[in-house]
N, C-alpha and C. Protein backbone atom coordinates (compact mmCIF):
# COMPACT_ATOMS: atom_id res chain seq x y z
N MET A 1 9.37 -37.24 -4.57
CA MET A 1 10.13 -36.09 -4.12
C MET A 1 10.20 -35.06 -5.25
N ILE A 2 9.89 -33.82 -4.94
CA ILE A 2 9.91 -32.75 -5.94
C ILE A 2 11.31 -32.18 -6.02
N LYS A 3 11.80 -32.04 -7.24
CA LYS A 3 13.14 -31.51 -7.45
C LYS A 3 13.06 -30.05 -7.85
N VAL A 4 13.98 -29.24 -7.34
CA VAL A 4 14.10 -27.84 -7.75
C VAL A 4 15.41 -27.71 -8.49
N ARG A 5 15.34 -27.20 -9.70
CA ARG A 5 16.54 -27.04 -10.51
C ARG A 5 16.73 -25.58 -10.83
N ASN A 6 17.95 -25.19 -11.03
CA ASN A 6 18.28 -23.80 -11.30
C ASN A 6 18.34 -23.57 -12.80
N PHE A 7 17.58 -22.61 -13.32
CA PHE A 7 17.58 -22.24 -14.72
C PHE A 7 17.99 -20.79 -14.86
N VAL A 8 18.34 -20.37 -16.05
CA VAL A 8 18.70 -18.98 -16.31
C VAL A 8 17.44 -18.15 -16.22
N PRO A 9 17.42 -16.99 -15.58
CA PRO A 9 18.54 -16.41 -14.85
C PRO A 9 18.78 -17.17 -13.55
N LYS A 10 20.01 -17.21 -13.13
CA LYS A 10 20.41 -18.02 -12.00
C LYS A 10 19.76 -17.58 -10.69
N SER A 11 19.26 -16.36 -10.61
CA SER A 11 18.65 -15.88 -9.38
C SER A 11 17.22 -16.39 -9.20
N VAL A 12 16.67 -17.03 -10.24
CA VAL A 12 15.28 -17.50 -10.19
C VAL A 12 15.27 -19.02 -10.15
N LEU A 13 14.70 -19.58 -9.09
CA LEU A 13 14.56 -21.03 -9.01
C LEU A 13 13.17 -21.42 -9.48
N MET A 14 13.11 -22.45 -10.30
CA MET A 14 11.83 -22.96 -10.79
C MET A 14 11.76 -24.45 -10.52
N LEU A 15 10.55 -24.90 -10.31
CA LEU A 15 10.36 -26.34 -10.22
C LEU A 15 10.50 -26.93 -11.61
N SER A 16 11.04 -28.11 -11.68
CA SER A 16 11.23 -28.76 -12.96
C SER A 16 10.98 -30.25 -12.78
N ALA A 17 10.31 -30.86 -13.73
CA ALA A 17 10.03 -32.29 -13.65
C ALA A 17 9.91 -32.86 -15.05
N THR A 18 10.19 -34.14 -15.15
CA THR A 18 9.91 -34.83 -16.40
C THR A 18 8.42 -35.14 -16.42
N TYR A 19 7.92 -35.49 -17.58
CA TYR A 19 6.51 -35.84 -17.71
C TYR A 19 6.17 -37.01 -16.78
N SER A 20 7.05 -37.99 -16.71
CA SER A 20 6.81 -39.16 -15.85
C SER A 20 6.78 -38.78 -14.37
N GLU A 21 7.71 -37.92 -13.93
CA GLU A 21 7.72 -37.46 -12.54
C GLU A 21 6.44 -36.69 -12.22
N PHE A 22 6.02 -35.84 -13.13
CA PHE A 22 4.81 -35.05 -12.94
C PHE A 22 3.59 -35.95 -12.82
N ARG A 23 3.47 -36.89 -13.71
CA ARG A 23 2.33 -37.82 -13.70
C ARG A 23 2.30 -38.62 -12.39
N LYS A 24 3.46 -39.05 -11.94
CA LYS A 24 3.56 -39.87 -10.72
C LYS A 24 3.14 -39.09 -9.47
N ASP A 25 3.56 -37.82 -9.38
CA ASP A 25 3.30 -37.00 -8.19
C ASP A 25 2.44 -35.78 -8.51
N LEU A 26 1.44 -35.95 -9.35
CA LEU A 26 0.62 -34.85 -9.84
C LEU A 26 0.09 -33.96 -8.72
N LYS A 27 -0.56 -34.56 -7.71
CA LYS A 27 -1.14 -33.75 -6.63
C LYS A 27 -0.07 -32.96 -5.89
N GLN A 28 1.04 -33.60 -5.58
CA GLN A 28 2.11 -32.92 -4.84
C GLN A 28 2.66 -31.74 -5.64
N PHE A 29 2.87 -31.93 -6.93
CA PHE A 29 3.37 -30.83 -7.77
C PHE A 29 2.37 -29.68 -7.82
N LEU A 30 1.10 -30.00 -8.06
CA LEU A 30 0.09 -28.94 -8.17
C LEU A 30 -0.09 -28.21 -6.84
N ASP A 31 -0.06 -28.94 -5.74
CA ASP A 31 -0.16 -28.30 -4.43
C ASP A 31 1.01 -27.33 -4.20
N GLN A 32 2.21 -27.74 -4.58
CA GLN A 32 3.38 -26.88 -4.39
C GLN A 32 3.30 -25.64 -5.28
N VAL A 33 2.83 -25.80 -6.51
CA VAL A 33 2.69 -24.66 -7.41
C VAL A 33 1.74 -23.63 -6.81
N ILE A 34 0.63 -24.09 -6.26
CA ILE A 34 -0.37 -23.17 -5.70
C ILE A 34 0.09 -22.59 -4.37
N THR A 35 0.58 -23.43 -3.47
CA THR A 35 0.95 -22.99 -2.13
C THR A 35 2.13 -22.03 -2.14
N ASN A 36 3.14 -22.32 -2.95
CA ASN A 36 4.37 -21.52 -2.95
C ASN A 36 4.45 -20.53 -4.10
N VAL A 37 3.37 -20.38 -4.86
CA VAL A 37 3.35 -19.53 -6.04
C VAL A 37 4.58 -19.84 -6.92
N ASP A 38 4.78 -21.12 -7.14
CA ASP A 38 5.89 -21.58 -7.98
C ASP A 38 5.44 -21.72 -9.42
N THR A 39 6.40 -21.79 -10.31
CA THR A 39 6.17 -22.12 -11.70
C THR A 39 6.84 -23.46 -11.94
N LEU A 40 6.16 -24.37 -12.61
CA LEU A 40 6.67 -25.71 -12.85
C LEU A 40 6.90 -25.90 -14.34
N ILE A 41 8.09 -26.34 -14.71
CA ILE A 41 8.39 -26.66 -16.10
C ILE A 41 8.36 -28.18 -16.23
N ILE A 42 7.54 -28.67 -17.15
CA ILE A 42 7.46 -30.11 -17.39
C ILE A 42 8.16 -30.40 -18.71
N HIS A 43 9.21 -31.19 -18.64
CA HIS A 43 9.98 -31.58 -19.82
C HIS A 43 9.36 -32.85 -20.39
N ARG A 44 9.13 -32.86 -21.69
CA ARG A 44 8.40 -33.95 -22.33
C ARG A 44 9.28 -34.75 -23.29
N GLY A 45 10.48 -35.06 -22.89
CA GLY A 45 11.37 -35.82 -23.77
C GLY A 45 11.69 -35.04 -25.02
N LYS A 46 11.29 -35.56 -26.16
CA LYS A 46 11.55 -34.87 -27.43
C LYS A 46 10.49 -33.81 -27.75
N GLY A 47 9.41 -33.79 -26.97
CA GLY A 47 8.37 -32.79 -27.18
C GLY A 47 8.75 -31.47 -26.54
N LYS A 48 7.98 -30.45 -26.84
CA LYS A 48 8.22 -29.14 -26.25
C LYS A 48 7.82 -29.14 -24.78
N ALA A 49 8.55 -28.38 -23.98
CA ALA A 49 8.26 -28.27 -22.55
C ALA A 49 6.98 -27.49 -22.33
N VAL A 50 6.37 -27.70 -21.17
CA VAL A 50 5.12 -27.06 -20.78
C VAL A 50 5.33 -26.38 -19.43
N VAL A 51 4.67 -25.25 -19.23
CA VAL A 51 4.76 -24.53 -17.95
C VAL A 51 3.41 -24.65 -17.24
N VAL A 52 3.46 -24.93 -15.94
CA VAL A 52 2.26 -24.98 -15.10
C VAL A 52 2.40 -23.90 -14.04
N MET A 53 1.35 -23.10 -13.88
CA MET A 53 1.33 -22.06 -12.84
C MET A 53 -0.09 -21.95 -12.30
N SER A 54 -0.22 -21.32 -11.15
CA SER A 54 -1.54 -21.16 -10.55
C SER A 54 -2.37 -20.17 -11.38
N LEU A 55 -3.68 -20.29 -11.28
CA LEU A 55 -4.57 -19.36 -11.98
C LEU A 55 -4.34 -17.94 -11.48
N GLU A 56 -4.10 -17.79 -10.18
CA GLU A 56 -3.84 -16.46 -9.60
C GLU A 56 -2.61 -15.82 -10.25
N GLU A 57 -1.54 -16.59 -10.41
CA GLU A 57 -0.32 -16.07 -11.03
C GLU A 57 -0.56 -15.75 -12.50
N TYR A 58 -1.28 -16.60 -13.20
CA TYR A 58 -1.60 -16.36 -14.61
C TYR A 58 -2.40 -15.07 -14.77
N ASN A 59 -3.42 -14.88 -13.93
CA ASN A 59 -4.23 -13.65 -14.00
C ASN A 59 -3.39 -12.41 -13.73
N ALA A 60 -2.45 -12.51 -12.78
CA ALA A 60 -1.57 -11.38 -12.49
C ALA A 60 -0.69 -11.05 -13.69
N LEU A 61 -0.19 -12.07 -14.37
CA LEU A 61 0.63 -11.84 -15.57
C LEU A 61 -0.19 -11.18 -16.67
N CYS A 62 -1.44 -11.63 -16.84
CA CYS A 62 -2.31 -11.04 -17.85
C CYS A 62 -2.61 -9.58 -17.53
N ALA A 63 -2.86 -9.27 -16.27
CA ALA A 63 -3.14 -7.89 -15.87
C ALA A 63 -1.93 -7.01 -16.10
N THR A 64 -0.74 -7.50 -15.76
CA THR A 64 0.49 -6.74 -15.98
C THR A 64 0.71 -6.52 -17.47
N SER A 65 0.48 -7.54 -18.25
CA SER A 65 0.64 -7.42 -19.70
C SER A 65 -0.30 -6.35 -20.26
N HIS A 66 -1.55 -6.34 -19.77
CA HIS A 66 -2.50 -5.32 -20.22
C HIS A 66 -2.05 -3.92 -19.81
N GLU A 67 -1.61 -3.78 -18.56
CA GLU A 67 -1.17 -2.47 -18.08
C GLU A 67 0.00 -1.92 -18.88
N LEU A 68 0.85 -2.79 -19.38
CA LEU A 68 2.03 -2.35 -20.12
C LEU A 68 1.83 -2.46 -21.64
N SER A 69 0.58 -2.69 -22.09
CA SER A 69 0.32 -2.93 -23.50
C SER A 69 0.40 -1.67 -24.37
N SER A 70 0.30 -0.52 -23.76
CA SER A 70 0.42 0.71 -24.54
C SER A 70 1.33 1.68 -23.79
N MET A 71 1.92 2.57 -24.53
CA MET A 71 2.81 3.57 -23.92
C MET A 71 2.03 4.47 -22.98
N LYS A 72 0.77 4.76 -23.32
CA LYS A 72 -0.06 5.62 -22.47
C LYS A 72 -0.31 4.96 -21.11
N ASN A 73 -0.68 3.67 -21.12
CA ASN A 73 -0.89 2.95 -19.86
C ASN A 73 0.39 2.88 -19.05
N LYS A 74 1.50 2.59 -19.73
CA LYS A 74 2.79 2.48 -19.04
C LYS A 74 3.16 3.82 -18.40
N ALA A 75 2.94 4.92 -19.12
CA ALA A 75 3.26 6.24 -18.58
C ALA A 75 2.42 6.55 -17.35
N ARG A 76 1.13 6.21 -17.38
CA ARG A 76 0.26 6.43 -16.22
C ARG A 76 0.73 5.62 -15.02
N LEU A 77 1.08 4.37 -15.27
CA LEU A 77 1.56 3.50 -14.20
C LEU A 77 2.85 4.04 -13.61
N ASP A 78 3.78 4.43 -14.45
CA ASP A 78 5.05 4.99 -13.98
C ASP A 78 4.82 6.27 -13.17
N ALA A 79 3.92 7.13 -13.63
CA ALA A 79 3.62 8.36 -12.91
C ALA A 79 3.02 8.06 -11.53
N SER A 80 2.14 7.08 -11.48
CA SER A 80 1.54 6.70 -10.20
C SER A 80 2.58 6.17 -9.23
N ILE A 81 3.49 5.36 -9.74
CA ILE A 81 4.56 4.81 -8.89
C ILE A 81 5.44 5.94 -8.36
N GLN A 82 5.75 6.90 -9.20
CA GLN A 82 6.57 8.04 -8.77
C GLN A 82 5.84 8.86 -7.72
N GLN A 83 4.54 9.08 -7.90
CA GLN A 83 3.77 9.85 -6.92
C GLN A 83 3.74 9.15 -5.57
N ILE A 84 3.55 7.86 -5.58
CA ILE A 84 3.55 7.11 -4.32
C ILE A 84 4.92 7.23 -3.65
N GLY A 85 5.98 7.13 -4.45
CA GLY A 85 7.34 7.24 -3.91
C GLY A 85 7.61 8.60 -3.31
N LYS A 86 6.96 9.62 -3.81
CA LYS A 86 7.17 10.98 -3.30
C LYS A 86 6.13 11.35 -2.25
N ASP A 87 5.32 10.39 -1.84
CA ASP A 87 4.27 10.62 -0.85
C ASP A 87 3.27 11.69 -1.27
N LEU A 88 3.05 11.83 -2.59
CA LEU A 88 2.06 12.79 -3.06
C LEU A 88 0.65 12.22 -2.99
N ILE A 89 0.56 10.92 -2.83
CA ILE A 89 -0.73 10.27 -2.69
C ILE A 89 -0.81 9.68 -1.30
N GLU A 90 -1.91 9.95 -0.61
CA GLU A 90 -2.08 9.35 0.70
C GLU A 90 -2.68 7.97 0.50
N TYR A 91 -2.07 7.00 1.11
CA TYR A 91 -2.52 5.61 0.99
C TYR A 91 -2.84 5.09 2.38
N THR A 92 -4.07 4.63 2.55
CA THR A 92 -4.49 4.04 3.82
C THR A 92 -4.87 2.60 3.58
N PRO A 93 -4.05 1.66 4.07
CA PRO A 93 -4.38 0.25 3.88
C PRO A 93 -5.68 -0.09 4.59
N GLU A 94 -6.43 -0.98 3.97
CA GLU A 94 -7.72 -1.38 4.57
C GLU A 94 -7.54 -2.46 5.59
């Protein structure tokens, strides 16, 4: 059985498991991480905890980090968001 525990911030629920729980139910945990776009924290006793996430989520975090890596990129992104909000850009979903 997969346990969901509440961590700070309280509005964000994350999966959490001990190393033994993770090892026992490896497939179930990995399937839930991918299917529900969850993040899993694995507690390793006295060792440091480890985070497991889907490759898709990891790539999205890397892309966001790159977009916000410079003030120039951040300013362009903010301007684009404002333009969309003001309907200055026509957007046609595919």
